């Protein structure tokens, strides 16, 4: 069957996201948009990922997986996508040690931790939009060491992308895939970046910061059981 996966969704934990984009509402919206798979990818944190996974228990046709959008030393955004919370948490443990504390009440109150019932449980006291002092290639290695997939986020954007920051994608950097923003479709991406054809799959994610973006674009691939393993296999097929 065709699996529709939105690989890039923020929750109310991300300081740049709408406060209404809670884990429970994300799952409901994804289900109603006929998505089969989503990844929760807040900035540098997993605090709302497990709540979304728990909320999805009532929607067996929807698989929810943990992830993070990590900002490297070079201010490159990297999607770390994982098949389970244990692997994701091992990655987050390292990333968190490099994050400064939030500097004010107004900053951390924009970083809402919610449970699967749409209840606020607290606030993240780390400054999540900061870059971490780890090189891009070392973040990719960290993700791989924890059985994750490392995708370059929104490579066509003029900021916070591998191309905007470095000017190109080094051959040996280790990405598993390249995500393009909702502003560019796959065919146009192939025309714009012919040098990466054959080496990488181009992925699409909504980069949702509000509920109405979810499922606006998605990655589609063949699968039988809607699993992380099938998604990983698609990237090397």
C-alpha atoms as a PDB file:
ATOM      1  CA  UNK A   1       0.000   0.000   0.000  1.00  0.00           C
ATOM      2  CA  UNK A   2       0.993   3.629  -0.335  1.00  0.00           C
ATOM      3  CA  UNK A   3       2.108   5.090   2.982  1.00  0.00           C
ATOM      4  CA  UNK A   4       1.801   8.838   3.482  1.00  0.00           C
ATOM      5  CA  UNK A   5       4.336  10.156   5.987  1.00  0.00           C
ATOM      6  CA  UNK A   6       4.681  13.703   7.292  1.00  0.00           C
ATOM      7  CA  UNK A   7       8.238  13.611   8.612  1.00  0.00           C
ATOM      8  CA  UNK A   8       8.476  17.106  10.111  1.00  0.00           C
ATOM      9  CA  UNK A   9       5.912  18.291  12.669  1.00  0.00           C
ATOM     10  CA  UNK A  10       6.461  20.669  15.589  1.00  0.00           C
ATOM     11  CA  UNK A  11       4.335  20.813  18.724  1.00  0.00           C
ATOM     12  CA  UNK A  12       3.631  23.592  21.213  1.00  0.00           C
ATOM     13  CA  UNK A  13       6.989  22.688  22.760  1.00  0.00           C
ATOM     14  CA  UNK A  14       8.840  24.496  19.962  1.00  0.00           C
ATOM     15  CA  UNK A  15       9.017  28.219  20.786  1.00  0.00           C
ATOM     16  CA  UNK A  16       8.195  29.155  17.186  1.00  0.00           C
ATOM     17  CA  UNK A  17       5.017  27.029  17.066  1.00  0.00           C
ATOM     18  CA  UNK A  18       1.374  27.860  17.750  1.00  0.00           C
ATOM     19  CA  UNK A  19       0.405  27.076  21.348  1.00  0.00           C
ATOM     20  CA  UNK A  20      -2.639  25.158  20.049  1.00  0.00           C
ATOM     21  CA  UNK A  21      -0.555  22.532  18.239  1.00  0.00           C
ATOM     22  CA  UNK A  22      -0.648  20.009  21.085  1.00  0.00           C
ATOM     23  CA  UNK A  23       0.301  16.322  20.754  1.00  0.00           C
ATOM     24  CA  UNK A  24      -3.329  15.169  20.951  1.00  0.00           C
ATOM     25  CA  UNK A  25      -4.537  17.661  18.346  1.00  0.00           C
ATOM     26  CA  UNK A  26      -1.670  16.773  16.024  1.00  0.00           C
ATOM     27  CA  UNK A  27      -2.638  13.109  16.108  1.00  0.00           C
ATOM     28  CA  UNK A  28      -6.295  13.908  15.471  1.00  0.00           C
ATOM     29  CA  UNK A  29      -5.410  16.192  12.566  1.00  0.00           C
ATOM     30  CA  UNK A  30      -2.997  13.646  11.065  1.00  0.00           C
ATOM     31  CA  UNK A  31      -5.638  10.922  11.240  1.00  0.00           C
ATOM     32  CA  UNK A  32      -8.297  13.156   9.687  1.00  0.00           C
ATOM     33  CA  UNK A  33      -5.863  14.117   6.917  1.00  0.00           C
ATOM     34  CA  UNK A  34      -5.397  10.417   6.021  1.00  0.00           C
ATOM     35  CA  UNK A  35      -1.740  10.326   6.973  1.00  0.00           C
ATOM     36  CA  UNK A  36      -0.338   6.913   7.899  1.00  0.00           C
ATOM     37  CA  UNK A  37       2.869   7.992   9.619  1.00  0.00           C
ATOM     38  CA  UNK A  38       4.162  11.114  11.342  1.00  0.00           C
ATOM     39  CA  UNK A  39       7.338  12.149  13.135  1.00  0.00           C
ATOM     40  CA  UNK A  40       7.227  14.638  16.005  1.00  0.00           C
ATOM     41  CA  UNK A  41      10.273  16.865  15.454  1.00  0.00           C
ATOM     42  CA  UNK A  42      10.493  19.701  17.946  1.00  0.00           C
ATOM     43  CA  UNK A  43      13.619  21.819  18.204  1.00  0.00           C
ATOM     44  CA  UNK A  44      16.328  19.993  20.181  1.00  0.00           C
ATOM     45  CA  UNK A  45      13.853  18.200  22.464  1.00  0.00           C
ATOM     46  CA  UNK A  46      11.602  15.143  22.798  1.00  0.00           C
ATOM     47  CA  UNK A  47       9.417  16.433  25.627  1.00  0.00           C
ATOM     48  CA  UNK A  48       6.144  16.085  23.677  1.00  0.00           C
ATOM     49  CA  UNK A  49       6.968  13.085  21.496  1.00  0.00           C
ATOM     50  CA  UNK A  50       5.826  10.387  23.905  1.00  0.00           C
ATOM     51  CA  UNK A  51       2.506  12.165  24.501  1.00  0.00           C
ATOM     52  CA  UNK A  52       1.801  12.055  20.762  1.00  0.00           C
ATOM     53  CA  UNK A  53       2.724   8.364  20.640  1.00  0.00           C
ATOM     54  CA  UNK A  54       0.339   7.657  23.526  1.00  0.00           C
ATOM     55  CA  UNK A  55      -2.453   9.710  21.919  1.00  0.00           C
ATOM     56  CA  UNK A  56      -2.103   7.608  18.757  1.00  0.00           C
ATOM     57  CA  UNK A  57      -3.148   4.438  20.593  1.00  0.00           C
ATOM     58  CA  UNK A  58      -6.718   5.326  19.671  1.00  0.00           C
ATOM     59  CA  UNK A  59      -5.822   5.570  15.970  1.00  0.00           C
ATOM     60  CA  UNK A  60      -4.319   2.204  14.947  1.00  0.00           C
ATOM     61  CA  UNK A  61      -3.939   3.219  11.296  1.00  0.00           C
ATOM     62  CA  UNK A  62      -1.545   6.033  12.289  1.00  0.00           C
ATOM     63  CA  UNK A  63       2.057   5.353  13.321  1.00  0.00           C
ATOM     64  CA  UNK A  64       3.721   8.089  15.381  1.00  0.00           C
ATOM     65  CA  UNK A  65       7.492   8.167  15.826  1.00  0.00           C
ATOM     66  CA  UNK A  66       9.847  10.413  17.824  1.00  0.00           C
ATOM     67  CA  UNK A  67      12.307  12.824  16.290  1.00  0.00           C
ATOM     68  CA  UNK A  68      14.070  16.133  16.754  1.00  0.00           C
ATOM     69  CA  UNK A  69      15.096  19.053  14.600  1.00  0.00           C
ATOM     70  CA  UNK A  70      18.609  19.626  15.892  1.00  0.00           C
ATOM     71  CA  UNK A  71      20.542  22.833  15.216  1.00  0.00           C
ATOM     72  CA  UNK A  72      24.267  22.243  14.748  1.00  0.00           C
ATOM     73  CA  UNK A  73      27.241  24.493  15.504  1.00  0.00           C
ATOM     74  CA  UNK A  74      27.047  25.742  11.908  1.00  0.00           C
ATOM     75  CA  UNK A  75      23.314  26.523  12.412  1.00  0.00           C
ATOM     76  CA  UNK A  76      22.294  23.685  10.115  1.00  0.00           C
ATOM     77  CA  UNK A  77      18.934  22.087  10.900  1.00  0.00           C
ATOM     78  CA  UNK A  78      19.114  18.291  10.972  1.00  0.00           C
ATOM     79  CA  UNK A  79      16.140  15.963  11.332  1.00  0.00           C
ATOM     80  CA  UNK A  80      16.873  13.017  13.593  1.00  0.00           C
ATOM     81  CA  UNK A  81      14.146  10.402  13.066  1.00  0.00           C
ATOM     82  CA  UNK A  82      13.862   7.347  15.315  1.00  0.00           C
ATOM     83  CA  UNK A  83      11.940   4.097  15.539  1.00  0.00           C
ATOM     84  CA  UNK A  84      11.479   4.173  19.315  1.00  0.00           C
ATOM     85  CA  UNK A  85      11.757   6.460  22.319  1.00  0.00           C
ATOM     86  CA  UNK A  86      14.789   4.718  23.820  1.00  0.00           C
ATOM     87  CA  UNK A  87      17.002   5.489  20.822  1.00  0.00           C
ATOM     88  CA  UNK A  88      15.636   9.011  20.575  1.00  0.00           C
ATOM     89  CA  UNK A  89      16.213   9.681  24.280  1.00  0.00           C
ATOM     90  CA  UNK A  90      19.821   8.519  24.048  1.00  0.00           C
ATOM     91  CA  UNK A  91      20.339  11.189  21.406  1.00  0.00           C
ATOM     92  CA  UNK A  92      18.461  13.864  23.333  1.00  0.00           C
ATOM     93  CA  UNK A  93      20.552  13.194  26.439  1.00  0.00           C
ATOM     94  CA  UNK A  94      23.649  14.397  24.590  1.00  0.00           C
ATOM     95  CA  UNK A  95      21.941  17.344  22.888  1.00  0.00           C
ATOM     96  CA  UNK A  96      20.463  18.642  26.153  1.00  0.00           C
ATOM     97  CA  UNK A  97      23.890  19.017  27.755  1.00  0.00           C
ATOM     98  CA  UNK A  98      24.722  21.672  25.141  1.00  0.00           C
ATOM     99  CA  UNK A  99      21.562  23.756  25.574  1.00  0.00           C
ATOM    100  CA  UNK A 100      21.591  26.876  27.779  1.00  0.00           C
ATOM    101  CA  UNK A 101      18.814  27.564  30.246  1.00  0.00           C
ATOM    102  CA  UNK A 102      15.931  29.745  29.110  1.00  0.00           C
ATOM    103  CA  UNK A 103      16.727  33.320  30.088  1.00  0.00           C
ATOM    104  CA  UNK A 104      13.245  34.529  31.053  1.00  0.00           C
ATOM    105  CA  UNK A 105       9.743  33.452  32.015  1.00  0.00           C
ATOM    106  CA  UNK A 106       8.439  34.644  28.660  1.00  0.00           C
ATOM    107  CA  UNK A 107      10.906  32.400  26.818  1.00  0.00           C
ATOM    108  CA  UNK A 108      10.232  29.144  28.619  1.00  0.00           C
ATOM    109  CA  UNK A 109       6.465  29.739  28.769  1.00  0.00           C
ATOM    110  CA  UNK A 110       6.499  29.458  24.969  1.00  0.00           C
ATOM    111  CA  UNK A 111       7.866  25.901  25.356  1.00  0.00           C
ATOM    112  CA  UNK A 112       4.821  23.985  26.538  1.00  0.00           C
ATOM    113  CA  UNK A 113       4.998  20.362  27.667  1.00  0.00           C
ATOM    114  CA  UNK A 114       1.600  18.689  27.217  1.00  0.00           C
ATOM    115  CA  UNK A 115       0.296  15.176  27.809  1.00  0.00           C
ATOM    116  CA  UNK A 116      -1.833  12.941  25.597  1.00  0.00           C
ATOM    117  CA  UNK A 117      -5.048  14.375  27.090  1.00  0.00           C
ATOM    118  CA  UNK A 118      -4.319  17.963  26.002  1.00  0.00           C
ATOM    119  CA  UNK A 119      -3.310  19.026  29.499  1.00  0.00           C
ATOM    120  CA  UNK A 120      -0.332  21.297  30.183  1.00  0.00           C
ATOM    121  CA  UNK A 121       2.185  19.504  32.391  1.00  0.00           C
ATOM    122  CA  UNK A 122       4.850  22.194  32.497  1.00  0.00           C
ATOM    123  CA  UNK A 123       7.413  24.102  30.492  1.00  0.00           C
ATOM    124  CA  UNK A 124      10.828  23.246  29.122  1.00  0.00           C
ATOM    125  CA  UNK A 125      13.437  25.317  30.951  1.00  0.00           C
ATOM    126  CA  UNK A 126      16.126  24.934  28.277  1.00  0.00           C
ATOM    127  CA  UNK A 127      16.445  27.430  25.414  1.00  0.00           C
ATOM    128  CA  UNK A 128      15.359  25.148  22.596  1.00  0.00           C
ATOM    129  CA  UNK A 129      15.958  27.370  19.577  1.00  0.00           C
ATOM    130  CA  UNK A 130      19.677  27.617  20.288  1.00  0.00           C
ATOM    131  CA  UNK A 131      22.368  25.924  18.242  1.00  0.00           C
ATOM    132  CA  UNK A 132      24.308  23.212  20.052  1.00  0.00           C
ATOM    133  CA  UNK A 133      28.101  23.312  19.976  1.00  0.00           C
ATOM    134  CA  UNK A 134      28.432  20.100  17.951  1.00  0.00           C
ATOM    135  CA  UNK A 135      29.513  19.941  14.331  1.00  0.00           C
ATOM    136  CA  UNK A 136      26.958  18.870  11.742  1.00  0.00           C
ATOM    137  CA  UNK A 137      28.797  15.654  10.885  1.00  0.00           C
ATOM    138  CA  UNK A 138      29.063  14.717  14.558  1.00  0.00           C
ATOM    139  CA  UNK A 139      25.328  15.180  15.089  1.00  0.00           C
ATOM    140  CA  UNK A 140      24.736  12.872  12.129  1.00  0.00           C
ATOM    141  CA  UNK A 141      27.062  10.290  13.707  1.00  0.00           C
ATOM    142  CA  UNK A 142      25.233  10.637  17.032  1.00  0.00           C
ATOM    143  CA  UNK A 143      21.900   9.973  15.322  1.00  0.00           C
ATOM    144  CA  UNK A 144      23.331   6.955  13.488  1.00  0.00           C
ATOM    145  CA  UNK A 145      24.895   5.587  16.677  1.00  0.00           C
ATOM    146  CA  UNK A 146      21.384   5.525  18.130  1.00  0.00           C
ATOM    147  CA  UNK A 147      19.837   3.732  15.136  1.00  0.00           C
ATOM    148  CA  UNK A 148      18.250   6.881  13.738  1.00  0.00           C
ATOM    149  CA  UNK A 149      17.863   8.429  10.312  1.00  0.00           C
ATOM    150  CA  UNK A 150      19.587  11.771   9.683  1.00  0.00           C
ATOM    151  CA  UNK A 151      17.971  14.005   7.058  1.00  0.00           C
ATOM    152  CA  UNK A 152      19.096  17.473   6.035  1.00  0.00           C
ATOM    153  CA  UNK A 153      16.131  19.737   6.803  1.00  0.00           C
ATOM    154  CA  UNK A 154      14.541  22.052   4.216  1.00  0.00           C
ATOM    155  CA  UNK A 155      17.631  22.244   1.989  1.00  0.00           C
ATOM    156  CA  UNK A 156      16.046  24.887  -0.274  1.00  0.00           C
ATOM    157  CA  UNK A 157      15.527  27.439   2.488  1.00  0.00           C
ATOM    158  CA  UNK A 158      17.755  30.550   2.617  1.00  0.00           C
ATOM    159  CA  UNK A 159      18.564  30.000   6.291  1.00  0.00           C
ATOM    160  CA  UNK A 160      19.233  27.098   8.672  1.00  0.00           C
ATOM    161  CA  UNK A 161      19.830  24.613   5.846  1.00  0.00           C
ATOM    162  CA  UNK A 162      22.986  22.724   4.948  1.00  0.00           C
ATOM    163  CA  UNK A 163      23.207  24.581   1.626  1.00  0.00           C
ATOM    164  CA  UNK A 164      22.505  28.053   3.053  1.00  0.00           C
ATOM    165  CA  UNK A 165      25.131  27.564   5.750  1.00  0.00           C
ATOM    166  CA  UNK A 166      27.874  25.664   3.913  1.00  0.00           C
ATOM    167  CA  UNK A 167      27.036  26.406   0.286  1.00  0.00           C
ATOM    168  CA  UNK A 168      26.956  22.721  -0.656  1.00  0.00           C
ATOM    169  CA  UNK A 169      26.531  19.228   0.806  1.00  0.00           C
ATOM    170  CA  UNK A 170      29.921  17.599   1.473  1.00  0.00           C
ATOM    171  CA  UNK A 171      30.162  14.147  -0.107  1.00  0.00           C
ATOM    172  CA  UNK A 172      31.187  12.420   3.105  1.00  0.00           C
ATOM    173  CA  UNK A 173      28.921  14.186   5.589  1.00  0.00           C
ATOM    174  CA  UNK A 174      26.668  11.163   6.054  1.00  0.00           C
ATOM    175  CA  UNK A 175      23.074  12.300   5.517  1.00  0.00           C
ATOM    176  CA  UNK A 176      20.549   9.557   4.748  1.00  0.00           C
ATOM    177  CA  UNK A 177      18.121  11.824   2.878  1.00  0.00           C
ATOM    178  CA  UNK A 178      17.368  15.431   1.975  1.00  0.00           C
ATOM    179  CA  UNK A 179      14.150  17.156   2.984  1.00  0.00           C
ATOM    180  CA  UNK A 180      12.739  19.911   0.807  1.00  0.00           C
ATOM    181  CA  UNK A 181      10.406  22.570   2.135  1.00  0.00           C
ATOM    182  CA  UNK A 182       6.693  22.784   1.253  1.00  0.00           C
ATOM    183  CA  UNK A 183       7.641  25.563  -1.188  1.00  0.00           C
ATOM    184  CA  UNK A 184       9.254  23.099  -3.605  1.00  0.00           C
ATOM    185  CA  UNK A 185       7.894  19.896  -5.138  1.00  0.00           C
ATOM    186  CA  UNK A 186       9.943  16.795  -5.862  1.00  0.00           C
ATOM    187  CA  UNK A 187      10.291  17.337  -9.602  1.00  0.00           C
ATOM    188  CA  UNK A 188      11.446  20.922  -9.163  1.00  0.00           C
ATOM    189  CA  UNK A 189      13.874  19.779  -6.482  1.00  0.00           C
ATOM    190  CA  UNK A 190      15.391  17.290  -8.908  1.00  0.00           C
ATOM    191  CA  UNK A 191      15.824  20.069 -11.457  1.00  0.00           C
ATOM    192  CA  UNK A 192      17.316  22.440  -8.892  1.00  0.00           C
ATOM    193  CA  UNK A 193      19.670  19.903  -7.304  1.00  0.00           C
ATOM    194  CA  UNK A 194      20.664  17.412 -10.046  1.00  0.00           C
ATOM    195  CA  UNK A 195      24.018  16.812  -8.370  1.00  0.00           C
ATOM    196  CA  UNK A 196      22.288  14.950  -5.527  1.00  0.00           C
ATOM    197  CA  UNK A 197      20.141  12.645  -7.678  1.00  0.00           C
ATOM    198  CA  UNK A 198      21.037   9.002  -7.234  1.00  0.00           C
ATOM    199  CA  UNK A 199      22.775   9.645  -3.934  1.00  0.00           C
ATOM    200  CA  UNK A 200      19.840  10.795  -1.804  1.00  0.00           C
ATOM    201  CA  UNK A 201      16.092  10.414  -1.643  1.00  0.00           C
ATOM    202  CA  UNK A 202      14.248  13.740  -1.574  1.00  0.00           C
ATOM    203  CA  UNK A 203      11.689  13.817   1.248  1.00  0.00           C
ATOM    204  CA  UNK A 204       8.801  16.161   1.881  1.00  0.00           C
ATOM    205  CA  UNK A 205       7.575  17.264   5.274  1.00  0.00           C
ATOM    206  CA  UNK A 206       5.117  19.978   6.215  1.00  0.00           C
ATOM    207  CA  UNK A 207       7.396  21.558   8.861  1.00  0.00           C
ATOM    208  CA  UNK A 208       4.114  22.229  10.639  1.00  0.00           C
ATOM    209  CA  UNK A 209       4.090  24.960  13.234  1.00  0.00           C
ATOM    210  CA  UNK A 210       0.282  25.121  13.295  1.00  0.00           C
ATOM    211  CA  UNK A 211      -2.423  22.496  12.913  1.00  0.00           C
ATOM    212  CA  UNK A 212      -3.590  23.516   9.456  1.00  0.00           C
ATOM    213  CA  UNK A 213      -0.171  22.766   7.920  1.00  0.00           C
ATOM    214  CA  UNK A 214      -0.163  19.100   8.935  1.00  0.00           C
ATOM    215  CA  UNK A 215      -0.336  16.815   5.909  1.00  0.00           C
ATOM    216  CA  UNK A 216      -0.185  19.737   3.476  1.00  0.00           C
ATOM    217  CA  UNK A 217       2.781  17.911   1.953  1.00  0.00           C
ATOM    218  CA  UNK A 218       4.110  14.442   2.735  1.00  0.00           C
ATOM    219  CA  UNK A 219       6.486  11.705   1.642  1.00  0.00           C
ATOM    220  CA  UNK A 220       4.862   8.715  -0.047  1.00  0.00           C
ATOM    221  CA  UNK A 221       6.361   5.229  -0.238  1.00  0.00           C
ATOM    222  CA  UNK A 222       5.305   1.592  -0.566  1.00  0.00           C
ATOM    223  CA  UNK A 223       4.882  -0.476   2.589  1.00  0.00           C
ATOM    224  CA  UNK A 224       2.820  -3.218   4.185  1.00  0.00           C
ATOM    225  CA  UNK A 225       2.928  -2.633   7.929  1.00  0.00           C
ATOM    226  CA  UNK A 226       3.473   1.112   8.311  1.00  0.00           C
ATOM    227  CA  UNK A 227       6.744   0.682  10.203  1.00  0.00           C
ATOM    228  CA  UNK A 228       9.910   2.686  10.768  1.00  0.00           C
ATOM    229  CA  UNK A 229      11.851  -0.183   9.231  1.00  0.00           C
ATOM    230  CA  UNK A 230       9.911   0.145   5.984  1.00  0.00           C
ATOM    231  CA  UNK A 231      10.607   3.863   5.915  1.00  0.00           C
ATOM    232  CA  UNK A 232      14.321   3.245   6.476  1.00  0.00           C
ATOM    233  CA  UNK A 233      14.330   0.612   3.732  1.00  0.00           C
ATOM    234  CA  UNK A 234      12.684   3.055   1.327  1.00  0.00           C
ATOM    235  CA  UNK A 235      15.586   5.464   1.776  1.00  0.00           C
ATOM    236  CA  UNK A 236      18.114   2.914   0.504  1.00  0.00           C
ATOM    237  CA  UNK A 237      15.937   1.335  -2.187  1.00  0.00           C
END
